[in-house]
Amino acid sequence: MFDRDLQRAAARYTTAKTVEVYAGIAMVVVAVSVVVTVGFRVVQSIASTFGL
């Protein structure tokens, strides 16, 4: 049987890793959203410049 402190430490590590993964995913989603928004505005700007 595992020591209770070891179990708690393992649970904390797992929770921290899960939060880290979700935070990483959130950052990627935000970055992709920013890139798409900026790209869309650039395309709109170019289109309006050439009257498309």
PDB file of N, CA and C in Angstrom:
ATOM      1  N   MET A   1       0.835  -1.186   0.000  1.00  0.00           N
ATOM      2  CA  MET A   1       0.000   0.000   0.000  1.00  0.00           C
ATOM      3  C   MET A   1       0.880   1.250   0.000  1.00  0.00           C
ATOM      4  N   PHE A   2       0.435   2.281  -0.745  1.00  0.00           N
ATOM      5  CA  PHE A   2       1.204   3.511  -0.835  1.00  0.00           C
ATOM      6  C   PHE A   2       1.058   4.336   0.439  1.00  0.00           C
ATOM      7  N   ASP A   3       2.074   5.090   0.702  1.00  0.00           N
ATOM      8  CA  ASP A   3       2.030   6.037   1.812  1.00  0.00           C
ATOM      9  C   ASP A   3       1.041   7.156   1.461  1.00  0.00           C
ATOM     10  N   ARG A   4       0.282   7.629   2.429  1.00  0.00           N
ATOM     11  CA  ARG A   4      -0.746   8.644   2.162  1.00  0.00           C
ATOM     12  C   ARG A   4      -0.133   9.943   1.630  1.00  0.00           C
ATOM     13  N   ASP A   5       1.016  10.356   2.150  1.00  0.00           N
ATOM     14  CA  ASP A   5       1.672  11.573   1.649  1.00  0.00           C
ATOM     15  C   ASP A   5       2.081  11.414   0.195  1.00  0.00           C
ATOM     16  N   LEU A   6       2.538  10.223  -0.152  1.00  0.00           N
ATOM     17  CA  LEU A   6       2.925   9.954  -1.534  1.00  0.00           C
ATOM     18  C   LEU A   6       1.694  10.029  -2.443  1.00  0.00           C
ATOM     19  N   GLN A   7       0.575   9.499  -1.980  1.00  0.00           N
ATOM     20  CA  GLN A   7      -0.666   9.570  -2.762  1.00  0.00           C
ATOM     21  C   GLN A   7      -1.090  11.026  -2.968  1.00  0.00           C
ATOM     22  N   ARG A   8      -1.002  11.816  -1.920  1.00  0.00           N
ATOM     23  CA  ARG A   8      -1.376  13.235  -2.037  1.00  0.00           C
ATOM     24  C   ARG A   8      -0.453  13.958  -3.003  1.00  0.00           C
ATOM     25  N   ALA A   9       0.825  13.681  -2.916  1.00  0.00           N
ATOM     26  CA  ALA A   9       1.786  14.318  -3.812  1.00  0.00           C
ATOM     27  C   ALA A   9       1.501  13.934  -5.262  1.00  0.00           C
ATOM     28  N   ALA A  10       1.183  12.669  -5.480  1.00  0.00           N
ATOM     29  CA  ALA A  10       0.870  12.207  -6.833  1.00  0.00           C
ATOM     30  C   ALA A  10      -0.394  12.883  -7.350  1.00  0.00           C
ATOM     31  N   ALA A  11      -1.390  13.042  -6.489  1.00  0.00           N
ATOM     32  CA  ALA A  11      -2.636  13.698  -6.888  1.00  0.00           C
ATOM     33  C   ALA A  11      -2.381  15.162  -7.233  1.00  0.00           C
ATOM     34  N   ARG A  12      -1.556  15.843  -6.418  1.00  0.00           N
ATOM     35  CA  ARG A  12      -1.230  17.245  -6.696  1.00  0.00           C
ATOM     36  C   ARG A  12      -0.476  17.370  -8.016  1.00  0.00           C
ATOM     37  N   TYR A  13       0.452  16.453  -8.254  1.00  0.00           N
ATOM     38  CA  TYR A  13       1.227  16.484  -9.498  1.00  0.00           C
ATOM     39  C   TYR A  13       0.310  16.292 -10.698  1.00  0.00           C
ATOM     40  N   THR A  14      -0.610  15.331 -10.583  1.00  0.00           N
ATOM     41  CA  THR A  14      -1.543  15.062 -11.680  1.00  0.00           C
ATOM     42  C   THR A  14      -2.422  16.279 -11.941  1.00  0.00           C
ATOM     43  N   THR A  15      -2.909  16.900 -10.877  1.00  0.00           N
ATOM     44  CA  THR A  15      -3.745  18.097 -11.026  1.00  0.00           C
ATOM     45  C   THR A  15      -2.952  19.222 -11.676  1.00  0.00           C
ATOM     46  N   ALA A  16      -1.730  19.418 -11.233  1.00  0.00           N
ATOM     47  CA  ALA A  16      -0.894  20.489 -11.792  1.00  0.00           C
ATOM     48  C   ALA A  16      -0.621  20.239 -13.268  1.00  0.00           C
ATOM     49  N   LYS A  17      -0.349  18.986 -13.633  1.00  0.00           N
ATOM     50  CA  LYS A  17      -0.084  18.650 -15.026  1.00  0.00           C
ATOM     51  C   LYS A  17      -1.327  18.882 -15.871  1.00  0.00           C
ATOM     52  N   THR A  18      -2.505  18.520 -15.349  1.00  0.00           N
ATOM     53  CA  THR A  18      -3.752  18.715 -16.078  1.00  0.00           C
ATOM     54  C   THR A  18      -3.996  20.204 -16.312  1.00  0.00           C
ATOM     55  N   VAL A  19      -3.804  21.005 -15.270  1.00  0.00           N
ATOM     56  CA  VAL A  19      -3.977  22.458 -15.407  1.00  0.00           C
ATOM     57  C   VAL A  19      -2.982  23.007 -16.422  1.00  0.00           C
ATOM     58  N   GLU A  20      -1.758  22.510 -16.368  1.00  0.00           N
ATOM     59  CA  GLU A  20      -0.726  22.968 -17.310  1.00  0.00           C
ATOM     60  C   GLU A  20      -1.126  22.652 -18.748  1.00  0.00           C
ATOM     61  N   VAL A  21      -1.646  21.457 -18.966  1.00  0.00           N
ATOM     62  CA  VAL A  21      -2.068  21.057 -20.311  1.00  0.00           C
ATOM     63  C   VAL A  21      -3.218  21.941 -20.785  1.00  0.00           C
ATOM     64  N   TYR A  22      -4.222  22.139 -19.924  1.00  0.00           N
ATOM     65  CA  TYR A  22      -5.359  22.979 -20.312  1.00  0.00           C
ATOM     66  C   TYR A  22      -4.925  24.419 -20.568  1.00  0.00           C
ATOM     67  N   ALA A  23      -4.005  24.935 -19.778  1.00  0.00           N
ATOM     68  CA  ALA A  23      -3.505  26.290 -19.985  1.00  0.00           C
ATOM     69  C   ALA A  23      -2.776  26.386 -21.327  1.00  0.00           C
ATOM     70  N   GLY A  24      -2.006  25.367 -21.644  1.00  0.00           N
ATOM     71  CA  GLY A  24      -1.316  25.337 -22.937  1.00  0.00           C
ATOM     72  C   GLY A  24      -2.287  25.316 -24.097  1.00  0.00           C
ATOM     73  N   ILE A  25      -3.340  24.504 -23.973  1.00  0.00           N
ATOM     74  CA  ILE A  25      -4.361  24.438 -25.023  1.00  0.00           C
ATOM     75  C   ILE A  25      -5.053  25.789 -25.163  1.00  0.00           C
ATOM     76  N   ALA A  26      -5.373  26.419 -24.042  1.00  0.00           N
ATOM     77  CA  ALA A  26      -6.033  27.727 -24.080  1.00  0.00           C
ATOM     78  C   ALA A  26      -5.150  28.760 -24.768  1.00  0.00           C
ATOM     79  N   MET A  27      -3.847  28.742 -24.486  1.00  0.00           N
ATOM     80  CA  MET A  27      -2.937  29.691 -25.128  1.00  0.00           C
ATOM     81  C   MET A  27      -2.879  29.465 -26.634  1.00  0.00           C
ATOM     82  N   VAL A  28      -2.874  28.204 -27.058  1.00  0.00           N
ATOM     83  CA  VAL A  28      -2.856  27.900 -28.488  1.00  0.00           C
ATOM     84  C   VAL A  28      -4.137  28.400 -29.148  1.00  0.00           C
ATOM     85  N   VAL A  29      -5.277  28.165 -28.496  1.00  0.00           N
ATOM     86  CA  VAL A  29      -6.556  28.615 -29.050  1.00  0.00           C
ATOM     87  C   VAL A  29      -6.575  30.136 -29.189  1.00  0.00           C
ATOM     88  N   VAL A  30      -6.105  30.842 -28.162  1.00  0.00           N
ATOM     89  CA  VAL A  30      -6.068  32.306 -28.219  1.00  0.00           C
ATOM     90  C   VAL A  30      -5.130  32.763 -29.340  1.00  0.00           C
ATOM     91  N   ALA A  31      -3.976  32.143 -29.443  1.00  0.00           N
ATOM     92  CA  ALA A  31      -3.012  32.529 -30.484  1.00  0.00           C
ATOM     93  C   ALA A  31      -3.593  32.312 -31.877  1.00  0.00           C
ATOM     94  N   VAL A  32      -4.250  31.182 -32.094  1.00  0.00           N
ATOM     95  CA  VAL A  32      -4.852  30.899 -33.399  1.00  0.00           C
ATOM     96  C   VAL A  32      -5.957  31.913 -33.693  1.00  0.00           C
ATOM     97  N   SER A  33      -6.756  32.236 -32.686  1.00  0.00           N
ATOM     98  CA  SER A  33      -7.829  33.221 -32.872  1.00  0.00           C
ATOM     99  C   SER A  33      -7.260  34.579 -33.269  1.00  0.00           C
ATOM    100  N   VAL A  34      -6.184  34.988 -32.608  1.00  0.00           N
ATOM    101  CA  VAL A  34      -5.559  36.273 -32.934  1.00  0.00           C
ATOM    102  C   VAL A  34      -5.027  36.253 -34.359  1.00  0.00           C
ATOM    103  N   VAL A  35      -4.365  35.185 -34.749  1.00  0.00           N
ATOM    104  CA  VAL A  35      -3.807  35.089 -36.100  1.00  0.00           C
ATOM    105  C   VAL A  35      -4.924  35.133 -37.144  1.00  0.00           C
ATOM    106  N   VAL A  36      -6.009  34.405 -36.901  1.00  0.00           N
ATOM    107  CA  VAL A  36      -7.125  34.389 -37.846  1.00  0.00           C
ATOM    108  C   VAL A  36      -7.753  35.774 -37.945  1.00  0.00           C
ATOM    109  N   THR A  37      -7.951  36.438 -36.804  1.00  0.00           N
ATOM    110  CA  THR A  37      -8.550  37.779 -36.808  1.00  0.00           C
ATOM    111  C   THR A  37      -7.671  38.773 -37.551  1.00  0.00           C
ATOM    112  N   VAL A  38      -6.380  38.751 -37.266  1.00  0.00           N
ATOM    113  CA  VAL A  38      -5.457  39.669 -37.947  1.00  0.00           C
ATOM    114  C   VAL A  38      -5.428  39.367 -39.440  1.00  0.00           C
ATOM    115  N   GLY A  39      -5.371  38.100 -39.802  1.00  0.00           N
ATOM    116  CA  GLY A  39      -5.369  37.717 -41.214  1.00  0.00           C
ATOM    117  C   GLY A  39      -6.624  38.177 -41.928  1.00  0.00           C
ATOM    118  N   PHE A  40      -7.769  38.024 -41.261  1.00  0.00           N
ATOM    119  CA  PHE A  40      -9.040  38.443 -41.846  1.00  0.00           C
ATOM    120  C   PHE A  40      -9.047  39.949 -42.076  1.00  0.00           C
ATOM    121  N   ARG A  41      -8.529  40.711 -41.115  1.00  0.00           N
ATOM    122  CA  ARG A  41      -8.488  42.173 -41.262  1.00  0.00           C
ATOM    123  C   ARG A  41      -7.532  42.585 -42.390  1.00  0.00           C
ATOM    124  N   VAL A  42      -6.433  41.866 -42.525  1.00  0.00           N
ATOM    125  CA  VAL A  42      -5.496  42.168 -43.621  1.00  0.00           C
ATOM    126  C   VAL A  42      -6.171  41.918 -44.957  1.00  0.00           C
ATOM    127  N   VAL A  43      -6.888  40.793 -45.067  1.00  0.00           N
ATOM    128  CA  VAL A  43      -7.582  40.481 -46.330  1.00  0.00           C
ATOM    129  C   VAL A  43      -8.643  41.545 -46.611  1.00  0.00           C
ATOM    130  N   GLN A  44      -9.384  41.963 -45.588  1.00  0.00           N
ATOM    131  CA  GLN A  44     -10.389  43.022 -45.773  1.00  0.00           C
ATOM    132  C   GLN A  44      -9.732  44.307 -46.235  1.00  0.00           C
ATOM    133  N   SER A  45      -8.604  44.645 -45.652  1.00  0.00           N
ATOM    134  CA  SER A  45      -7.892  45.872 -46.011  1.00  0.00           C
ATOM    135  C   SER A  45      -7.435  45.820 -47.465  1.00  0.00           C
ATOM    136  N   ILE A  46      -6.867  44.709 -47.850  1.00  0.00           N
ATOM    137  CA  ILE A  46      -6.394  44.559 -49.233  1.00  0.00           C
ATOM    138  C   ILE A  46      -7.571  44.618 -50.200  1.00  0.00           C
ATOM    139  N   ALA A  47      -8.672  43.945 -49.843  1.00  0.00           N
ATOM    140  CA  ALA A  47      -9.849  43.934 -50.700  1.00  0.00           C
ATOM    141  C   ALA A  47     -10.419  45.336 -50.874  1.00  0.00           C
ATOM    142  N   SER A  48     -10.471  46.097 -49.770  1.00  0.00           N
ATOM    143  CA  SER A  48     -11.022  47.451 -49.887  1.00  0.00           C
ATOM    144  C   SER A  48     -10.071  48.365 -50.650  1.00  0.00           C
ATOM    145  N   THR A  49      -8.772  48.106 -50.546  1.00  0.00           N
ATOM    146  CA  THR A  49      -7.791  48.925 -51.290  1.00  0.00           C
ATOM    147  C   THR A  49      -7.969  48.761 -52.783  1.00  0.00           C
ATOM    148  N   PHE A  50      -8.205  47.525 -53.219  1.00  0.00           N
ATOM    149  CA  PHE A  50      -8.354  47.260 -54.644  1.00  0.00           C
ATOM    150  C   PHE A  50      -9.818  47.275 -55.085  1.00  0.00           C
ATOM    151  N   GLY A  51     -10.704  47.649 -54.201  1.00  0.00           N
ATOM    152  CA  GLY A  51     -12.122  47.774 -54.562  1.00  0.00           C
ATOM    153  C   GLY A  51     -12.798  46.459 -54.863  1.00  0.00           C
ATOM    154  N   LEU A  52     -12.398  45.403 -54.174  1.00  0.00           N
ATOM    155  CA  LEU A  52     -13.007  44.093 -54.415  1.00  0.00           C
ATOM    156  C   LEU A  52     -14.187  43.857 -53.494  1.00  0.00           C
TER     157      LEU A  52
END
